[in-house]
Amino acid sequence: MSELTRQEIFETIRGHLADILEIDPSKISEGSSFSEDLNADSLALIELVEAIEDEFSKGDTTFRIEDDELEDLKTMRDAVDYVVEKLGS
């Protein structure tokens, strides 16, 4: 599998978040704060984490966001940076 670009990772996460929050993906930018800009509650963020973990777990490789790292993910940029770093893209 070819490595994903940062933009592809952003678009994937944005798509999942837009579905969860039932909003237009164009309203979500890299600078968007989950709680302040998008009004995402903790349940929505848990759904997002599950979607990200499912999306980026391939074959026998499990992608996991640790609970203690979750509190550092406050914006879309944080989430994209996290996935990029974990995937080594």
N, C-alpha and C. Protein backbone atom coordinates (compact mmCIF):
# COMPACT_ATOMS: atom_id res chain seq x y z
N MET A 1 0.84 -1.19 0.00
CA MET A 1 0.00 0.00 0.00
C MET A 1 0.88 1.25 0.00
N SER A 2 0.54 2.18 -0.86
CA SER A 2 1.34 3.40 -0.90
C SER A 2 1.03 4.26 0.32
N GLU A 3 2.02 5.03 0.71
CA GLU A 3 1.83 5.87 1.89
C GLU A 3 0.87 7.01 1.58
N LEU A 4 0.07 7.34 2.56
CA LEU A 4 -0.90 8.41 2.41
C LEU A 4 -0.21 9.76 2.58
N THR A 5 -0.68 10.74 1.83
CA THR A 5 -0.16 12.10 2.01
C THR A 5 -0.87 12.73 3.20
N ARG A 6 -0.29 13.80 3.69
CA ARG A 6 -0.91 14.54 4.78
C ARG A 6 -2.32 15.00 4.39
N GLN A 7 -2.46 15.45 3.15
CA GLN A 7 -3.77 15.93 2.67
C GLN A 7 -4.79 14.80 2.65
N GLU A 8 -4.38 13.60 2.23
CA GLU A 8 -5.29 12.45 2.20
C GLU A 8 -5.72 12.08 3.62
N ILE A 9 -4.79 12.13 4.55
CA ILE A 9 -5.11 11.83 5.95
C ILE A 9 -6.10 12.87 6.48
N PHE A 10 -5.84 14.15 6.20
CA PHE A 10 -6.75 15.22 6.63
C PHE A 10 -8.15 14.99 6.07
N GLU A 11 -8.24 14.70 4.76
CA GLU A 11 -9.54 14.53 4.12
C GLU A 11 -10.28 13.31 4.68
N THR A 12 -9.55 12.26 5.00
CA THR A 12 -10.16 11.07 5.58
C THR A 12 -10.75 11.38 6.96
N ILE A 13 -9.95 12.02 7.82
CA ILE A 13 -10.42 12.37 9.16
C ILE A 13 -11.58 13.36 9.07
N ARG A 14 -11.45 14.34 8.18
CA ARG A 14 -12.51 15.35 8.02
C ARG A 14 -13.82 14.68 7.59
N GLY A 15 -13.73 13.72 6.69
CA GLY A 15 -14.92 13.01 6.23
C GLY A 15 -15.62 12.27 7.36
N HIS A 16 -14.82 11.57 8.18
CA HIS A 16 -15.41 10.87 9.32
C HIS A 16 -16.05 11.84 10.30
N LEU A 17 -15.35 12.93 10.60
CA LEU A 17 -15.87 13.90 11.56
C LEU A 17 -17.14 14.57 11.04
N ALA A 18 -17.16 14.89 9.76
CA ALA A 18 -18.36 15.51 9.18
C ALA A 18 -19.55 14.56 9.29
N ASP A 19 -19.33 13.27 9.05
CA ASP A 19 -20.41 12.28 9.19
C ASP A 19 -20.89 12.22 10.63
N ILE A 20 -19.96 12.16 11.57
CA ILE A 20 -20.31 12.06 12.99
C ILE A 20 -21.09 13.29 13.46
N LEU A 21 -20.63 14.47 13.06
CA LEU A 21 -21.25 15.72 13.51
C LEU A 21 -22.42 16.14 12.62
N GLU A 22 -22.57 15.43 11.49
CA GLU A 22 -23.62 15.75 10.53
C GLU A 22 -23.53 17.20 10.05
N ILE A 23 -22.31 17.55 9.63
CA ILE A 23 -22.08 18.89 9.08
C ILE A 23 -21.37 18.76 7.73
N ASP A 24 -21.34 19.84 7.00
CA ASP A 24 -20.66 19.88 5.70
C ASP A 24 -19.15 19.82 5.94
N PRO A 25 -18.44 18.92 5.25
CA PRO A 25 -16.98 18.82 5.44
C PRO A 25 -16.25 20.15 5.20
N SER A 26 -16.82 21.01 4.35
CA SER A 26 -16.15 22.28 4.05
C SER A 26 -16.09 23.20 5.27
N LYS A 27 -16.89 22.91 6.29
CA LYS A 27 -16.88 23.72 7.52
C LYS A 27 -15.71 23.33 8.43
N ILE A 28 -14.99 22.26 8.08
CA ILE A 28 -13.91 21.75 8.92
C ILE A 28 -12.57 22.05 8.25
N SER A 29 -11.75 22.84 8.96
CA SER A 29 -10.41 23.15 8.44
C SER A 29 -9.37 22.56 9.40
N GLU A 30 -8.10 22.62 8.98
CA GLU A 30 -7.05 22.08 9.86
C GLU A 30 -7.00 22.82 11.18
N GLY A 31 -7.36 24.09 11.17
CA GLY A 31 -7.31 24.88 12.38
C GLY A 31 -8.53 24.74 13.28
N SER A 32 -9.52 23.96 12.84
CA SER A 32 -10.75 23.82 13.61
C SER A 32 -10.51 23.13 14.95
N SER A 33 -11.02 23.76 16.00
CA SER A 33 -10.99 23.16 17.34
C SER A 33 -12.21 22.26 17.45
N PHE A 34 -12.00 21.01 17.93
CA PHE A 34 -13.12 20.09 18.04
C PHE A 34 -14.24 20.65 18.91
N SER A 35 -13.88 21.15 20.08
CA SER A 35 -14.94 21.60 21.00
C SER A 35 -15.39 23.03 20.72
N GLU A 36 -14.46 23.95 20.49
CA GLU A 36 -14.84 25.35 20.35
C GLU A 36 -15.45 25.68 18.99
N ASP A 37 -14.83 25.22 17.91
CA ASP A 37 -15.32 25.57 16.58
C ASP A 37 -16.41 24.63 16.07
N LEU A 38 -16.29 23.35 16.42
CA LEU A 38 -17.20 22.35 15.85
C LEU A 38 -18.24 21.82 16.84
N ASN A 39 -18.15 22.28 18.08
CA ASN A 39 -19.08 21.86 19.13
C ASN A 39 -19.18 20.34 19.28
N ALA A 40 -18.04 19.67 19.11
CA ALA A 40 -18.01 18.21 19.26
C ALA A 40 -17.95 17.87 20.75
N ASP A 41 -18.84 17.00 21.19
CA ASP A 41 -18.81 16.58 22.59
C ASP A 41 -17.91 15.35 22.73
N SER A 42 -17.77 14.88 23.95
CA SER A 42 -16.84 13.77 24.19
C SER A 42 -17.29 12.50 23.47
N LEU A 43 -18.58 12.30 23.34
CA LEU A 43 -19.08 11.12 22.63
C LEU A 43 -18.68 11.19 21.15
N ALA A 44 -18.82 12.35 20.55
CA ALA A 44 -18.44 12.52 19.14
C ALA A 44 -16.95 12.26 18.96
N LEU A 45 -16.14 12.71 19.92
CA LEU A 45 -14.70 12.50 19.82
C LEU A 45 -14.34 11.02 19.98
N ILE A 46 -15.07 10.32 20.84
CA ILE A 46 -14.84 8.87 20.97
C ILE A 46 -15.18 8.18 19.66
N GLU A 47 -16.28 8.57 19.04
CA GLU A 47 -16.65 8.00 17.74
C GLU A 47 -15.58 8.29 16.70
N LEU A 48 -15.03 9.52 16.73
CA LEU A 48 -13.99 9.88 15.78
C LEU A 48 -12.74 9.02 15.99
N VAL A 49 -12.34 8.84 17.24
CA VAL A 49 -11.16 8.02 17.54
C VAL A 49 -11.38 6.60 17.02
N GLU A 50 -12.57 6.05 17.25
CA GLU A 50 -12.86 4.69 16.76
C GLU A 50 -12.79 4.63 15.24
N ALA A 51 -13.32 5.66 14.58
CA ALA A 51 -13.30 5.70 13.11
C ALA A 51 -11.86 5.80 12.60
N ILE A 52 -11.04 6.63 13.25
CA ILE A 52 -9.63 6.77 12.85
C ILE A 52 -8.89 5.45 13.05
N GLU A 53 -9.12 4.82 14.20
CA GLU A 53 -8.45 3.55 14.47
C GLU A 53 -8.84 2.50 13.44
N ASP A 54 -10.12 2.42 13.10
CA ASP A 54 -10.58 1.46 12.09
C ASP A 54 -9.99 1.78 10.72
N GLU A 55 -10.00 3.05 10.37
CA GLU A 55 -9.55 3.49 9.04
C GLU A 55 -8.08 3.19 8.81
N PHE A 56 -7.25 3.44 9.82
CA PHE A 56 -5.81 3.34 9.62
C PHE A 56 -5.21 2.03 10.12
N SER A 57 -6.04 1.11 10.61
CA SER A 57 -5.58 -0.24 10.94
C SER A 57 -5.66 -1.06 9.66
N LYS A 58 -4.53 -1.54 9.19
CA LYS A 58 -4.51 -2.30 7.93
C LYS A 58 -3.87 -3.65 8.17
N GLY A 59 -4.49 -4.69 7.63
CA GLY A 59 -3.93 -6.03 7.75
C GLY A 59 -3.75 -6.41 9.20
N ASP A 60 -2.53 -6.79 9.55
CA ASP A 60 -2.27 -7.17 10.94
C ASP A 60 -1.70 -6.02 11.76
N THR A 61 -1.71 -4.83 11.17
CA THR A 61 -1.22 -3.65 11.88
C THR A 61 -2.40 -2.94 12.52
N THR A 62 -2.36 -2.83 13.84
CA THR A 62 -3.44 -2.15 14.56
C THR A 62 -3.01 -0.72 14.86
N PHE A 63 -3.85 0.22 14.45
CA PHE A 63 -3.60 1.64 14.74
C PHE A 63 -4.40 1.98 15.98
N ARG A 64 -3.71 2.50 16.99
CA ARG A 64 -4.39 2.77 18.26
C ARG A 64 -4.02 4.17 18.76
N ILE A 65 -5.01 4.91 19.22
CA ILE A 65 -4.78 6.20 19.88
C ILE A 65 -4.90 5.94 21.37
N GLU A 66 -3.81 6.13 22.08
CA GLU A 66 -3.80 5.87 23.52
C GLU A 66 -4.61 6.92 24.27
N ASP A 67 -5.28 6.50 25.35
CA ASP A 67 -6.13 7.41 26.10
C ASP A 67 -5.38 8.64 26.61
N ASP A 68 -4.13 8.44 27.07
CA ASP A 68 -3.38 9.57 27.60
C ASP A 68 -2.94 10.54 26.51
N GLU A 69 -2.93 10.09 25.26
CA GLU A 69 -2.57 10.97 24.15
C GLU A 69 -3.80 11.71 23.62
N LEU A 70 -4.96 11.16 23.91
CA LEU A 70 -6.21 11.72 23.41
C LEU A 70 -6.43 13.15 23.87
N GLU A 71 -6.06 13.45 25.10
CA GLU A 71 -6.29 14.80 25.63
C GLU A 71 -5.47 15.86 24.90
N ASP A 72 -4.42 15.45 24.18
CA ASP A 72 -3.61 16.40 23.42
C ASP A 72 -4.21 16.71 22.05
N LEU A 73 -5.23 15.96 21.65
CA LEU A 73 -5.83 16.17 20.34
C LEU A 73 -7.02 17.12 20.49
N LYS A 74 -6.76 18.39 20.27
CA LYS A 74 -7.79 19.41 20.47
C LYS A 74 -8.28 20.02 19.15
N THR A 75 -7.48 19.89 18.10
CA THR A 75 -7.85 20.47 16.80
C THR A 75 -7.66 19.42 15.70
N MET A 76 -8.18 19.73 14.54
CA MET A 76 -7.97 18.84 13.39
C MET A 76 -6.47 18.70 13.12
N ARG A 77 -5.74 19.80 13.22
CA ARG A 77 -4.29 19.75 12.97
C ARG A 77 -3.61 18.77 13.92
N ASP A 78 -4.01 18.79 15.21
CA ASP A 78 -3.44 17.85 16.18
C ASP A 78 -3.70 16.41 15.74
N ALA A 79 -4.93 16.15 15.30
CA ALA A 79 -5.29 14.78 14.91
C ALA A 79 -4.52 14.35 13.66
N VAL A 80 -4.42 15.24 12.69
CA VAL A 80 -3.70 14.90 11.45
C VAL A 80 -2.22 14.69 11.77
N ASP A 81 -1.63 15.59 12.55
CA ASP A 81 -0.21 15.44 12.93
C ASP A 81 0.01 14.11 13.64
N TYR A 82 -0.89 13.75 14.52
CA TYR A 82 -0.78 12.52 15.27
C TYR A 82 -0.78 11.30 14.33
N VAL A 83 -1.75 11.27 13.42
CA VAL A 83 -1.84 10.14 12.49
C VAL A 83 -0.61 10.09 11.57
N VAL A 84 -0.19 11.25 11.05
CA VAL A 84 0.99 11.30 10.19
C VAL A 84 2.20 10.73 10.93
N GLU A 85 2.38 11.15 12.18
CA GLU A 85 3.53 10.68 12.96
C GLU A 85 3.45 9.18 13.20
N LYS A 86 2.25 8.70 13.59
CA LYS A 86 2.08 7.27 13.89
C LYS A 86 2.28 6.40 12.66
N LEU A 87 1.84 6.89 11.51
CA LEU A 87 1.97 6.11 10.27
C LEU A 87 3.37 6.24 9.66
N GLY A 88 4.12 7.24 10.14
CA GLY A 88 5.45 7.45 9.58
C GLY A 88 5.41 7.96 8.16
N SER A 89 4.32 8.69 7.83
CA SER A 89 4.17 9.20 6.46
C SER A 89 5.03 10.43 6.26
